[in-house]
Amino acid sequence: MQNTIPSFIIIDDSKLDCFIAERIIQSTGNYAVQTFMEATKVIDLLKNHSYLVSENKTVIVLDIQMPIMNGFGFVEEFEKLHQSTKDRFEIFMITSSINDSDLNRIVNYPSINSIQCKPLTKVMVSRMVDQAISFLSNSA
């Protein structure tokens, strides 16, 4: 029987936002959490298969506004990955302020699950987990 507890990757250029998100996720459930301050590092790990992907889903909590590679740049690179890799992840974008151009832009990226306003909350984490689990159930 497959374990359905997802893990989390937080990608945010703010050390404080990473810390807060990690604490909220861990206080919501017993979830493994990794934080990255640069989106390019996560893409490199995924491209080189250096990120050990379990049978569980991994929820990526992705900030939109970051230097070097912003959230949309990350998703553009993510969507070039092999489908079997992409199927292991659910991407939820977070931002300080949702503007109409970001909302209109996410429809162009099938990998983006949704966009949410910071700060991350326990309710948001619970919804992310529910969605990741439901995708696992549907693909089994």
Protein backbone atom coordinates (compact mmCIF):
# COMPACT_ATOMS: atom_id res chain seq x y z
CA MET A 1 0.00 0.00 0.00
CA GLN A 2 1.34 3.37 -1.01
CA ASN A 3 2.01 6.02 1.62
CA THR A 4 0.04 9.16 0.83
CA ILE A 5 1.87 11.70 2.96
CA PRO A 6 3.34 14.29 0.60
CA SER A 7 6.59 16.11 1.20
CA PHE A 8 7.13 19.81 0.58
CA ILE A 9 9.67 21.96 -1.23
CA ILE A 10 9.55 25.67 -0.49
CA ILE A 11 11.19 27.97 -3.01
CA ASP A 12 11.38 31.58 -1.83
CA ASP A 13 14.20 34.10 -1.89
CA SER A 14 13.25 35.36 1.58
CA LYS A 15 14.87 33.40 4.39
CA LEU A 16 12.15 34.61 6.77
CA ASP A 17 9.33 33.50 4.42
CA CYS A 18 11.00 30.08 4.05
CA PHE A 19 11.25 29.75 7.83
CA ILE A 20 7.63 30.77 8.41
CA ALA A 21 6.31 28.47 5.65
CA GLU A 22 8.35 25.55 6.97
CA ARG A 23 7.00 26.06 10.50
CA ILE A 24 3.39 26.33 9.29
CA ILE A 25 3.72 23.19 7.17
CA GLN A 26 5.30 21.23 10.01
CA SER A 27 2.67 22.43 12.49
CA THR A 28 -0.06 21.25 10.10
CA GLY A 29 1.19 17.67 9.90
CA ASN A 30 4.21 15.40 9.95
CA TYR A 31 5.57 16.53 6.57
CA ALA A 32 9.14 16.52 5.36
CA VAL A 33 10.08 20.03 4.22
CA GLN A 34 13.06 21.27 2.23
CA THR A 35 13.65 24.97 1.57
CA PHE A 36 15.52 26.59 -1.28
CA MET A 37 16.21 30.27 -1.79
CA GLU A 38 16.99 29.86 -5.51
CA ALA A 39 14.64 28.24 -8.01
CA THR A 40 17.57 27.36 -10.28
CA LYS A 41 18.91 24.94 -7.65
CA VAL A 42 15.66 22.96 -7.62
CA ILE A 43 15.48 22.83 -11.42
CA ASP A 44 19.09 21.61 -11.53
CA LEU A 45 18.28 18.88 -8.99
CA LEU A 46 15.26 17.77 -11.00
CA LYS A 47 17.10 17.84 -14.35
CA ASN A 48 19.99 15.82 -12.96
CA HIS A 49 17.68 13.43 -11.12
CA SER A 50 19.51 14.37 -7.93
CA TYR A 51 16.25 14.86 -6.09
CA LEU A 52 15.14 11.47 -4.84
CA VAL A 53 11.51 11.22 -5.74
CA SER A 54 9.50 8.79 -3.66
CA GLU A 55 6.18 7.37 -4.68
CA ASN A 56 4.58 10.21 -2.78
CA LYS A 57 3.70 13.54 -4.27
CA THR A 58 5.91 16.48 -3.50
CA VAL A 59 4.17 19.82 -3.09
CA ILE A 60 6.20 22.75 -4.36
CA VAL A 61 5.34 26.07 -2.72
CA LEU A 62 6.80 28.57 -5.17
CA ASP A 63 7.23 32.30 -4.73
CA ILE A 64 6.60 34.33 -7.89
CA GLN A 65 8.90 37.30 -7.33
CA MET A 66 12.51 36.15 -7.02
CA PRO A 67 15.81 37.29 -8.52
CA ILE A 68 17.77 35.13 -10.99
CA MET A 69 14.78 32.89 -11.82
CA ASN A 70 11.26 33.95 -10.84
CA GLY A 71 8.39 31.55 -10.28
CA PHE A 72 7.20 31.64 -13.87
CA GLY A 73 10.74 31.00 -15.12
CA PHE A 74 10.88 27.98 -12.82
CA VAL A 75 7.59 26.64 -14.20
CA GLU A 76 8.75 27.15 -17.80
CA GLU A 77 11.81 24.99 -17.08
CA PHE A 78 9.78 22.51 -15.02
CA GLU A 79 7.37 21.94 -17.92
CA LYS A 80 10.30 20.84 -20.12
CA LEU A 81 11.00 17.89 -17.79
CA HIS A 82 9.93 14.33 -18.57
CA GLN A 83 6.27 13.69 -17.76
CA SER A 84 7.10 10.96 -15.24
CA THR A 85 9.09 13.54 -13.24
CA LYS A 86 6.41 16.22 -13.50
CA ASP A 87 3.74 13.77 -12.34
CA ARG A 88 5.43 13.56 -8.93
CA PHE A 89 4.91 17.24 -8.13
CA GLU A 90 2.10 19.69 -7.45
CA ILE A 91 3.03 23.37 -7.81
CA PHE A 92 1.29 26.05 -5.77
CA MET A 93 2.46 29.62 -6.37
CA ILE A 94 2.48 32.16 -3.57
CA THR A 95 2.98 35.88 -3.75
CA SER A 96 2.78 39.01 -1.64
CA SER A 97 0.16 40.46 -3.94
CA ILE A 98 -1.86 38.75 -6.62
CA ASN A 99 -2.24 40.92 -9.67
CA ASP A 100 -4.41 40.29 -12.71
CA SER A 101 -1.46 39.67 -15.02
CA ASP A 102 -0.25 36.81 -12.76
CA LEU A 103 -3.76 35.34 -12.62
CA ASN A 104 -4.09 35.54 -16.39
CA ARG A 105 -0.63 34.07 -16.88
CA ILE A 106 -1.10 30.91 -14.78
CA VAL A 107 -3.64 29.50 -17.24
CA ASN A 108 -0.77 29.13 -19.74
CA TYR A 109 1.02 26.68 -17.43
CA PRO A 110 -0.67 23.33 -16.79
CA SER A 111 1.83 22.57 -14.00
CA ILE A 112 0.57 25.41 -11.79
CA ASN A 113 -2.13 24.19 -9.47
CA SER A 114 -3.13 27.57 -8.05
CA ILE A 115 -1.87 30.93 -6.91
CA GLN A 116 -2.28 32.12 -3.33
CA CYS A 117 -1.49 35.25 -1.35
CA LYS A 118 1.16 35.14 1.37
CA PRO A 119 1.38 34.33 4.15
CA LEU A 120 0.93 30.59 3.95
CA THR A 121 -1.71 29.32 6.38
CA LYS A 122 -2.60 25.94 7.85
CA VAL A 123 -5.81 25.96 5.79
CA MET A 124 -3.79 26.50 2.59
CA VAL A 125 -1.40 23.67 3.53
CA SER A 126 -4.33 21.33 4.25
CA ARG A 127 -5.84 22.10 0.84
CA MET A 128 -2.47 21.48 -0.86
CA VAL A 129 -2.16 18.12 0.90
CA ASP A 130 -5.74 17.15 0.03
CA GLN A 131 -5.14 18.00 -3.60
CA ALA A 132 -1.83 16.11 -3.76
CA ILE A 133 -3.45 13.06 -2.17
CA SER A 134 -6.44 13.20 -4.52
CA PHE A 135 -4.11 13.30 -7.53
CA LEU A 136 -2.28 10.25 -6.17
CA SER A 137 -5.56 8.39 -5.68
CA ASN A 138 -6.75 9.24 -9.20
CA SER A 139 -3.50 8.14 -10.82
CA ALA A 140 -3.29 4.83 -8.92
